[in-house]
Amino acid sequence: MGFNIGDKVIHSAFGLGEIVAIEEKIIQGQPTNCYVFCATDLMVWIPINDLQQHSLRVPTLPEEFQRLSVVLSNPSESLLEDRVLRKNLLVAQMKDGQLVSICRVVRDLTNFKRSKRLNDQEKSILERAVNSVLTEWTYSLKIPLHQAHQAMTNLLGV
């Protein structure tokens, strides 16, 4: 999948941003074409031939949010009791970079904290996941942040 300068994209780690240039960089001694990805005050060079590793994708289409609302409102999946294994699973879902995976993290951690106290890592993962979903939601559906947040809260039954 190729992107053009000016395309809005989602990076799995940095969220919503834009391709602002395509430049050649020397990586491991080899000239490599890179997308220059800009998100807020951050600029990252992403090798074009290595997009899978960086999970660069187009923002979710508005009609896909119907499917995502089902994920948020469905019963959560049980999280592992072992905190290290639980963290590794959550981090892997976040690293996947797909919005459906991030919605599952939001749903499952939100439900988990109803009965157990989240540790600092889990709080951080949940905050990052919520921000990621809301940023993409507001961009894709062209709605204000407070409206997206209220809709998410309603779907999660919070």
N, C-alpha and C. Protein backbone atom coordinates (compact mmCIF):
# COMPACT_ATOMS: atom_id res chain seq x y z
N MET A 1 0.85 -1.16 0.00
CA MET A 1 0.00 0.00 0.00
C MET A 1 0.90 1.23 0.00
N GLY A 2 0.64 2.14 -0.88
CA GLY A 2 1.44 3.35 -0.95
C GLY A 2 0.66 4.55 -0.47
N PHE A 3 1.40 5.50 0.07
CA PHE A 3 0.80 6.74 0.53
C PHE A 3 1.41 7.89 -0.25
N ASN A 4 0.70 8.99 -0.28
CA ASN A 4 1.16 10.19 -0.96
C ASN A 4 1.34 11.31 0.05
N ILE A 5 2.13 12.30 -0.32
CA ILE A 5 2.31 13.47 0.52
C ILE A 5 0.93 14.11 0.72
N GLY A 6 0.64 14.43 1.98
CA GLY A 6 -0.65 15.02 2.33
C GLY A 6 -1.66 14.02 2.84
N ASP A 7 -1.39 12.71 2.69
CA ASP A 7 -2.32 11.69 3.19
C ASP A 7 -2.32 11.67 4.72
N LYS A 8 -3.52 11.62 5.30
CA LYS A 8 -3.67 11.39 6.73
C LYS A 8 -3.54 9.90 6.95
N VAL A 9 -2.75 9.52 7.95
CA VAL A 9 -2.51 8.11 8.25
C VAL A 9 -2.49 7.90 9.76
N ILE A 10 -2.61 6.63 10.14
CA ILE A 10 -2.53 6.24 11.54
C ILE A 10 -1.27 5.41 11.72
N HIS A 11 -0.43 5.81 12.66
CA HIS A 11 0.76 5.04 13.02
C HIS A 11 0.43 4.29 14.31
N SER A 12 0.82 3.03 14.39
CA SER A 12 0.43 2.22 15.56
C SER A 12 0.93 2.79 16.88
N ALA A 13 2.07 3.46 16.88
CA ALA A 13 2.59 4.00 18.13
C ALA A 13 2.28 5.48 18.33
N PHE A 14 2.15 6.24 17.25
CA PHE A 14 2.04 7.68 17.37
C PHE A 14 0.67 8.23 17.00
N GLY A 15 -0.22 7.38 16.51
CA GLY A 15 -1.58 7.81 16.22
C GLY A 15 -1.74 8.54 14.90
N LEU A 16 -2.69 9.47 14.89
CA LEU A 16 -3.05 10.20 13.68
C LEU A 16 -1.96 11.20 13.30
N GLY A 17 -1.62 11.19 12.03
CA GLY A 17 -0.63 12.13 11.52
C GLY A 17 -0.77 12.25 10.02
N GLU A 18 0.24 12.81 9.41
CA GLU A 18 0.20 13.07 7.98
C GLU A 18 1.56 12.74 7.35
N ILE A 19 1.50 12.25 6.12
CA ILE A 19 2.72 12.07 5.34
C ILE A 19 3.08 13.45 4.80
N VAL A 20 4.20 14.00 5.23
CA VAL A 20 4.56 15.36 4.82
C VAL A 20 5.65 15.38 3.74
N ALA A 21 6.32 14.25 3.54
CA ALA A 21 7.36 14.18 2.51
C ALA A 21 7.73 12.73 2.29
N ILE A 22 8.44 12.49 1.21
CA ILE A 22 9.07 11.20 0.94
C ILE A 22 10.54 11.53 0.69
N GLU A 23 11.41 10.95 1.52
CA GLU A 23 12.83 11.27 1.45
C GLU A 23 13.67 10.00 1.43
N GLU A 24 14.86 10.15 0.91
CA GLU A 24 15.80 9.04 0.94
C GLU A 24 16.72 9.22 2.14
N LYS A 25 16.85 8.17 2.93
CA LYS A 25 17.72 8.16 4.10
C LYS A 25 18.68 6.98 3.96
N ILE A 26 19.84 7.09 4.57
CA ILE A 26 20.77 5.98 4.61
C ILE A 26 20.48 5.19 5.88
N ILE A 27 20.04 3.95 5.71
CA ILE A 27 19.73 3.07 6.83
C ILE A 27 20.56 1.81 6.67
N GLN A 28 21.36 1.51 7.68
CA GLN A 28 22.28 0.37 7.66
C GLN A 28 23.12 0.39 6.38
N GLY A 29 23.59 1.58 6.04
CA GLY A 29 24.47 1.74 4.90
C GLY A 29 23.81 1.70 3.54
N GLN A 30 22.50 1.57 3.49
CA GLN A 30 21.77 1.47 2.23
C GLN A 30 20.84 2.66 2.05
N PRO A 31 20.78 3.24 0.85
CA PRO A 31 19.79 4.29 0.61
C PRO A 31 18.38 3.68 0.65
N THR A 32 17.51 4.30 1.43
CA THR A 32 16.17 3.77 1.66
C THR A 32 15.15 4.89 1.53
N ASN A 33 14.11 4.69 0.73
CA ASN A 33 13.03 5.66 0.62
C ASN A 33 12.16 5.56 1.86
N CYS A 34 11.85 6.72 2.43
CA CYS A 34 11.07 6.77 3.67
C CYS A 34 9.93 7.77 3.55
N TYR A 35 8.82 7.41 4.21
CA TYR A 35 7.76 8.39 4.41
C TYR A 35 8.18 9.25 5.59
N VAL A 36 7.95 10.54 5.49
CA VAL A 36 8.15 11.42 6.64
C VAL A 36 6.77 11.63 7.24
N PHE A 37 6.58 11.04 8.41
CA PHE A 37 5.31 11.05 9.12
C PHE A 37 5.38 12.13 10.20
N CYS A 38 4.39 12.98 10.24
CA CYS A 38 4.35 14.06 11.23
C CYS A 38 3.06 13.96 12.03
N ALA A 39 3.20 13.91 13.35
CA ALA A 39 2.06 13.91 14.27
C ALA A 39 2.34 14.94 15.35
N THR A 40 1.54 15.97 15.41
CA THR A 40 1.70 17.08 16.35
C THR A 40 3.13 17.62 16.27
N ASP A 41 3.94 17.43 17.31
CA ASP A 41 5.31 17.95 17.32
C ASP A 41 6.34 16.86 17.06
N LEU A 42 5.93 15.78 16.46
CA LEU A 42 6.80 14.63 16.25
C LEU A 42 6.94 14.35 14.77
N MET A 43 8.18 14.08 14.34
CA MET A 43 8.43 13.71 12.95
C MET A 43 9.21 12.39 12.95
N VAL A 44 8.73 11.42 12.16
CA VAL A 44 9.34 10.10 12.11
C VAL A 44 9.55 9.71 10.65
N TRP A 45 10.70 9.11 10.36
CA TRP A 45 10.98 8.58 9.02
C TRP A 45 10.70 7.09 9.04
N ILE A 46 9.82 6.65 8.15
CA ILE A 46 9.38 5.26 8.12
C ILE A 46 9.76 4.67 6.78
N PRO A 47 10.63 3.65 6.79
CA PRO A 47 11.00 3.02 5.52
C PRO A 47 9.77 2.51 4.77
N ILE A 48 9.68 2.88 3.51
CA ILE A 48 8.52 2.50 2.70
C ILE A 48 8.42 0.99 2.55
N ASN A 49 9.55 0.31 2.44
CA ASN A 49 9.52 -1.14 2.25
C ASN A 49 9.35 -1.91 3.55
N ASP A 50 9.12 -1.20 4.66
CA ASP A 50 9.01 -1.84 5.97
C ASP A 50 7.75 -1.40 6.71
N LEU A 51 6.67 -1.18 5.97
CA LEU A 51 5.45 -0.64 6.57
C LEU A 51 4.78 -1.60 7.55
N GLN A 52 4.88 -2.91 7.31
CA GLN A 52 4.22 -3.87 8.20
C GLN A 52 4.72 -3.73 9.63
N GLN A 53 6.03 -3.52 9.78
CA GLN A 53 6.62 -3.40 11.11
C GLN A 53 6.10 -2.16 11.83
N HIS A 54 5.76 -1.13 11.10
CA HIS A 54 5.35 0.13 11.71
C HIS A 54 3.83 0.33 11.72
N SER A 55 3.08 -0.58 11.16
CA SER A 55 1.62 -0.52 11.18
C SER A 55 1.08 0.84 10.78
N LEU A 56 1.51 1.32 9.64
CA LEU A 56 1.00 2.56 9.09
C LEU A 56 -0.22 2.20 8.26
N ARG A 57 -1.33 2.88 8.50
CA ARG A 57 -2.57 2.54 7.80
C ARG A 57 -3.42 3.78 7.60
N VAL A 58 -4.41 3.65 6.73
CA VAL A 58 -5.35 4.75 6.52
C VAL A 58 -6.32 4.80 7.71
N PRO A 59 -6.85 5.97 8.03
CA PRO A 59 -7.84 6.05 9.11
C PRO A 59 -9.08 5.22 8.79
N THR A 60 -9.74 4.77 9.83
CA THR A 60 -10.93 3.95 9.70
C THR A 60 -12.05 4.75 9.03
N LEU A 61 -12.73 4.12 8.10
CA LEU A 61 -13.84 4.76 7.40
C LEU A 61 -15.04 4.90 8.33
N PRO A 62 -15.86 5.93 8.13
CA PRO A 62 -17.01 6.15 9.01
C PRO A 62 -17.92 4.92 9.14
N GLU A 63 -18.16 4.22 8.04
CA GLU A 63 -19.06 3.05 8.12
C GLU A 63 -18.48 1.91 8.95
N GLU A 64 -17.15 1.88 9.14
CA GLU A 64 -16.52 0.85 9.96
C GLU A 64 -16.77 1.08 11.45
N PHE A 65 -17.08 2.30 11.81
CA PHE A 65 -17.30 2.58 13.22
C PHE A 65 -18.54 1.87 13.77
N GLN A 66 -19.46 1.48 12.89
CA GLN A 66 -20.62 0.70 13.33
C GLN A 66 -20.15 -0.64 13.90
N ARG A 67 -19.19 -1.25 13.20
CA ARG A 67 -18.63 -2.54 13.66
C ARG A 67 -17.87 -2.35 14.97
N LEU A 68 -17.17 -1.23 15.08
CA LEU A 68 -16.39 -0.98 16.28
C LEU A 68 -17.29 -0.72 17.48
N SER A 69 -18.44 -0.12 17.25
CA SER A 69 -19.35 0.12 18.36
C SER A 69 -19.84 -1.21 18.95
N VAL A 70 -19.95 -2.21 18.12
CA VAL A 70 -20.33 -3.54 18.60
C VAL A 70 -19.22 -4.11 19.49
N VAL A 71 -17.98 -3.92 19.09
CA VAL A 71 -16.85 -4.41 19.90
C VAL A 71 -16.86 -3.75 21.27
N LEU A 72 -17.07 -2.45 21.32
CA LEU A 72 -17.06 -1.74 22.60
C LEU A 72 -18.23 -2.14 23.50
N SER A 73 -19.37 -2.46 22.90
CA SER A 73 -20.54 -2.77 23.71
C SER A 73 -20.69 -4.26 24.01
N ASN A 74 -19.95 -5.12 23.33
CA ASN A 74 -20.00 -6.56 23.61
C ASN A 74 -19.40 -6.86 24.99
N PRO A 75 -19.77 -8.02 25.56
CA PRO A 75 -19.13 -8.41 26.82
C PRO A 75 -17.61 -8.52 26.64
N SER A 76 -16.89 -8.13 27.67
CA SER A 76 -15.43 -8.15 27.57
C SER A 76 -14.91 -9.58 27.66
N GLU A 77 -13.68 -9.73 27.20
CA GLU A 77 -12.99 -11.00 27.34
C GLU A 77 -12.24 -10.96 28.66
N SER A 78 -12.16 -12.10 29.31
CA SER A 78 -11.44 -12.16 30.60
C SER A 78 -9.96 -11.92 30.37
N LEU A 79 -9.39 -11.09 31.20
CA LEU A 79 -7.95 -10.85 31.13
C LEU A 79 -7.24 -11.83 32.05
N LEU A 80 -6.01 -12.12 31.72
CA LEU A 80 -5.21 -13.08 32.48
C LEU A 80 -4.97 -12.58 33.90
N GLU A 81 -4.91 -13.48 34.84
CA GLU A 81 -4.65 -13.12 36.24
C GLU A 81 -3.21 -12.67 36.45
N ASP A 82 -2.27 -13.33 35.78
CA ASP A 82 -0.86 -12.97 35.90
C ASP A 82 -0.62 -11.60 35.28
N ARG A 83 -0.17 -10.64 36.06
CA ARG A 83 -0.06 -9.26 35.59
C ARG A 83 0.95 -9.09 34.46
N VAL A 84 2.03 -9.88 34.46
CA VAL A 84 3.04 -9.77 33.39
C VAL A 84 2.46 -10.30 32.08
N LEU A 85 1.81 -11.45 32.15
CA LEU A 85 1.19 -12.02 30.94
C LEU A 85 0.07 -11.11 30.44
N ARG A 86 -0.68 -10.54 31.37
CA ARG A 86 -1.77 -9.63 31.01
C ARG A 86 -1.20 -8.40 30.29
N LYS A 87 -0.15 -7.82 30.84
CA LYS A 87 0.48 -6.65 30.22
C LYS A 87 1.01 -7.00 28.83
N ASN A 88 1.66 -8.15 28.69
CA ASN A 88 2.20 -8.55 27.38
C ASN A 88 1.09 -8.70 26.34
N LEU A 89 -0.04 -9.26 26.75
CA LEU A 89 -1.17 -9.41 25.84
C LEU A 89 -1.72 -8.04 25.42
N LEU A 90 -1.88 -7.14 26.38
CA LEU A 90 -2.40 -5.80 26.08
C LEU A 90 -1.45 -5.03 25.18
N VAL A 91 -0.16 -5.11 25.45
CA VAL A 91 0.84 -4.42 24.63
C VAL A 91 0.82 -4.97 23.21
N ALA A 92 0.69 -6.29 23.07
CA ALA A 92 0.64 -6.90 21.74
C ALA A 92 -0.59 -6.41 20.97
N GLN A 93 -1.72 -6.29 21.65
CA GLN A 93 -2.93 -5.78 21.00
C GLN A 93 -2.75 -4.33 20.56
N MET A 94 -2.10 -3.54 21.39
CA MET A 94 -1.85 -2.14 21.02
C MET A 94 -0.87 -2.06 19.85
N LYS A 95 0.14 -2.90 19.88
CA LYS A 95 1.15 -2.88 18.82
C LYS A 95 0.56 -3.32 17.48
N ASP A 96 -0.46 -4.14 17.52
CA ASP A 96 -1.16 -4.56 16.31
C ASP A 96 -1.58 -3.34 15.49
N GLY A 97 -1.97 -2.27 16.19
CA GLY A 97 -2.28 -1.01 15.54
C GLY A 97 -3.65 -0.92 14.89
N GLN A 98 -4.37 -2.01 14.83
CA GLN A 98 -5.70 -1.98 14.23
C GLN A 98 -6.71 -1.44 15.25
N LEU A 99 -7.60 -0.61 14.78
CA LEU A 99 -8.54 0.03 15.69
C LEU A 99 -9.41 -0.99 16.43
N VAL A 100 -9.77 -2.07 15.80
CA VAL A 100 -10.59 -3.09 16.47
C VAL A 100 -9.83 -3.68 17.66
N SER A 101 -8.53 -3.89 17.52
CA SER A 101 -7.71 -4.41 18.63
C SER A 101 -7.64 -3.40 19.76
N ILE A 102 -7.48 -2.14 19.42
CA ILE A 102 -7.39 -1.09 20.43
C ILE A 102 -8.73 -0.94 21.16
N CYS A 103 -9.83 -1.08 20.43
CA CYS A 103 -11.16 -1.05 21.06
C CYS A 103 -11.32 -2.20 22.05
N ARG A 104 -10.78 -3.36 21.73
CA ARG A 104 -10.85 -4.50 22.66
C ARG A 104 -10.08 -4.18 23.94
N VAL A 105 -8.92 -3.53 23.80
CA VAL A 105 -8.14 -3.15 24.98
C VAL A 105 -8.96 -2.21 25.86
N VAL A 106 -9.59 -1.21 25.24
CA VAL A 106 -10.42 -0.26 25.99
C VAL A 106 -11.55 -1.01 26.71
N ARG A 107 -12.26 -1.84 25.98
CA ARG A 107 -13.39 -2.57 26.56
C ARG A 107 -12.94 -3.48 27.70
N ASP A 108 -11.89 -4.27 27.46
CA ASP A 108 -11.48 -5.27 28.44
C ASP A 108 -10.87 -4.64 29.69
N LEU A 109 -10.05 -3.60 29.52
CA LEU A 109 -9.48 -2.94 30.70
C LEU A 109 -10.53 -2.14 31.47
N THR A 110 -11.48 -1.54 30.75
CA THR A 110 -12.56 -0.81 31.42
C THR A 110 -13.37 -1.77 32.29
N ASN A 111 -13.67 -2.94 31.76
CA ASN A 111 -14.41 -3.92 32.54
C ASN A 111 -13.55 -4.48 33.68
N PHE A 112 -12.28 -4.72 33.41
CA PHE A 112 -11.37 -5.27 34.42
C PHE A 112 -11.30 -4.34 35.64
N LYS A 113 -11.27 -3.02 35.39
CA LYS A 113 -11.12 -2.09 36.51
C LYS A 113 -12.40 -1.95 37.33
N ARG A 114 -13.48 -2.53 36.86
CA ARG A 114 -14.72 -2.52 37.67
C ARG A 114 -14.59 -3.43 38.89
N SER A 115 -13.75 -4.47 38.75
CA SER A 115 -13.62 -5.42 39.85
C SER A 115 -12.22 -5.46 40.46
N LYS A 116 -11.23 -4.93 39.75
CA LYS A 116 -9.86 -4.95 40.26
C LYS A 116 -9.23 -3.59 40.03
N ARG A 117 -8.24 -3.31 40.81
CA ARG A 117 -7.52 -2.04 40.68
C ARG A 117 -6.47 -2.18 39.57
N LEU A 118 -6.44 -1.20 38.66
CA LEU A 118 -5.44 -1.22 37.60
C LEU A 118 -4.10 -0.76 38.17
N ASN A 119 -3.02 -1.44 37.72
CA ASN A 119 -1.69 -0.96 38.11
C ASN A 119 -1.31 0.20 37.19
N ASP A 120 -0.19 0.83 37.45
CA ASP A 120 0.21 2.01 36.67
C ASP A 120 0.38 1.71 35.19
N GLN A 121 0.94 0.55 34.85
CA GLN A 121 1.09 0.19 33.44
C GLN A 121 -0.26 0.02 32.76
N GLU A 122 -1.18 -0.61 33.44
CA GLU A 122 -2.51 -0.81 32.87
C GLU A 122 -3.25 0.52 32.71
N LYS A 123 -3.10 1.41 33.67
CA LYS A 123 -3.70 2.74 33.55
C LYS A 123 -3.14 3.46 32.33
N SER A 124 -1.84 3.36 32.13
CA SER A 124 -1.18 4.00 31.00
C SER A 124 -1.65 3.41 29.67
N ILE A 125 -1.75 2.10 29.62
CA ILE A 125 -2.22 1.42 28.40
C ILE A 125 -3.66 1.82 28.10
N LEU A 126 -4.50 1.85 29.13
CA LEU A 126 -5.90 2.23 28.93
C LEU A 126 -6.01 3.68 28.45
N GLU A 127 -5.26 4.57 29.05
CA GLU A 127 -5.30 5.98 28.64
C GLU A 127 -4.85 6.13 27.18
N ARG A 128 -3.78 5.45 26.83
CA ARG A 128 -3.29 5.51 25.45
C ARG A 128 -4.32 4.94 24.48
N ALA A 129 -4.94 3.83 24.85
CA ALA A 129 -5.94 3.19 23.99
C ALA A 129 -7.16 4.09 23.81
N VAL A 130 -7.66 4.67 24.89
CA VAL A 130 -8.82 5.56 24.82
C VAL A 130 -8.50 6.77 23.94
N ASN A 131 -7.34 7.39 24.16
CA ASN A 131 -6.95 8.54 23.35
C ASN A 131 -6.84 8.19 21.88
N SER A 132 -6.30 7.02 21.60
CA SER A 132 -6.14 6.57 20.21
C SER A 132 -7.49 6.40 19.54
N VAL A 133 -8.41 5.73 20.22
CA VAL A 133 -9.75 5.51 19.66
C VAL A 133 -10.47 6.84 19.46
N LEU A 134 -10.43 7.69 20.47
CA LEU A 134 -11.14 8.97 20.37
C LEU A 134 -10.56 9.87 19.29
N THR A 135 -9.26 9.89 19.14
CA THR A 135 -8.64 10.71 18.09
C THR A 135 -9.10 10.26 16.72
N GLU A 136 -9.08 8.96 16.49
CA GLU A 136 -9.51 8.45 15.19
C GLU A 136 -11.02 8.63 15.00
N TRP A 137 -11.78 8.45 16.05
CA TRP A 137 -13.23 8.61 16.01
C TRP A 137 -13.59 10.03 15.60
N THR A 138 -12.97 11.02 16.25
CA THR A 138 -13.28 12.41 15.93
C THR A 138 -12.85 12.77 14.52
N TYR A 139 -11.72 12.23 14.08
CA TYR A 139 -11.26 12.53 12.72
C TYR A 139 -12.17 11.88 11.67
N SER A 140 -12.43 10.59 11.84
CA SER A 140 -13.20 9.85 10.83
C SER A 140 -14.65 10.29 10.74
N LEU A 141 -15.27 10.54 11.88
CA LEU A 141 -16.69 10.89 11.89
C LEU A 141 -16.91 12.41 11.90
N LYS A 142 -15.83 13.17 11.98
CA LYS A 142 -15.91 14.64 11.97
C LYS A 142 -16.85 15.14 13.06
N ILE A 143 -16.64 14.61 14.27
CA ILE A 143 -17.45 15.03 15.41
C ILE A 143 -16.54 15.58 16.50
N PRO A 144 -17.08 16.40 17.40
CA PRO A 144 -16.27 16.94 18.49
C PRO A 144 -15.84 15.84 19.47
N LEU A 145 -14.74 16.08 20.14
CA LEU A 145 -14.19 15.12 21.08
C LEU A 145 -15.19 14.74 22.17
N HIS A 146 -15.88 15.72 22.73
CA HIS A 146 -16.83 15.42 23.82
C HIS A 146 -17.95 14.49 23.33
N GLN A 147 -18.36 14.63 22.08
CA GLN A 147 -19.41 13.77 21.54
C GLN A 147 -18.90 12.34 21.37
N ALA A 148 -17.68 12.20 20.86
CA ALA A 148 -17.09 10.87 20.71
C ALA A 148 -16.89 10.22 22.07
N HIS A 149 -16.43 11.01 23.04
CA HIS A 149 -16.21 10.48 24.39
C HIS A 149 -17.52 10.01 25.01
N GLN A 150 -18.58 10.78 24.83
CA GLN A 150 -19.89 10.39 25.39
C GLN A 150 -20.39 9.11 24.73
N ALA A 151 -20.23 9.01 23.42
CA ALA A 151 -20.66 7.80 22.71
C ALA A 151 -19.88 6.59 23.20
N MET A 152 -18.57 6.74 23.39
CA MET A 152 -17.75 5.62 23.89
C MET A 152 -18.20 5.23 25.29
N THR A 153 -18.42 6.21 26.14
CA THR A 153 -18.85 5.96 27.51
C THR A 153 -20.17 5.18 27.51
N ASN A 154 -21.09 5.59 26.68
CA ASN A 154 -22.39 4.89 26.59
C ASN A 154 -22.22 3.45 26.12
N LEU A 155 -21.39 3.25 25.12
CA LEU A 155 -21.18 1.88 24.60
C LEU A 155 -20.53 0.98 25.64
N LEU A 156 -19.63 1.55 26.44
CA LEU A 156 -18.93 0.77 27.46
C LEU A 156 -19.79 0.56 28.71
N GLY A 157 -20.90 1.29 28.79
CA GLY A 157 -21.77 1.16 29.95
C GLY A 157 -21.16 1.72 31.22
N VAL A 158 -20.35 2.75 31.06
CA VAL A 158 -19.66 3.36 32.21
C VAL A 158 -20.56 4.37 32.88
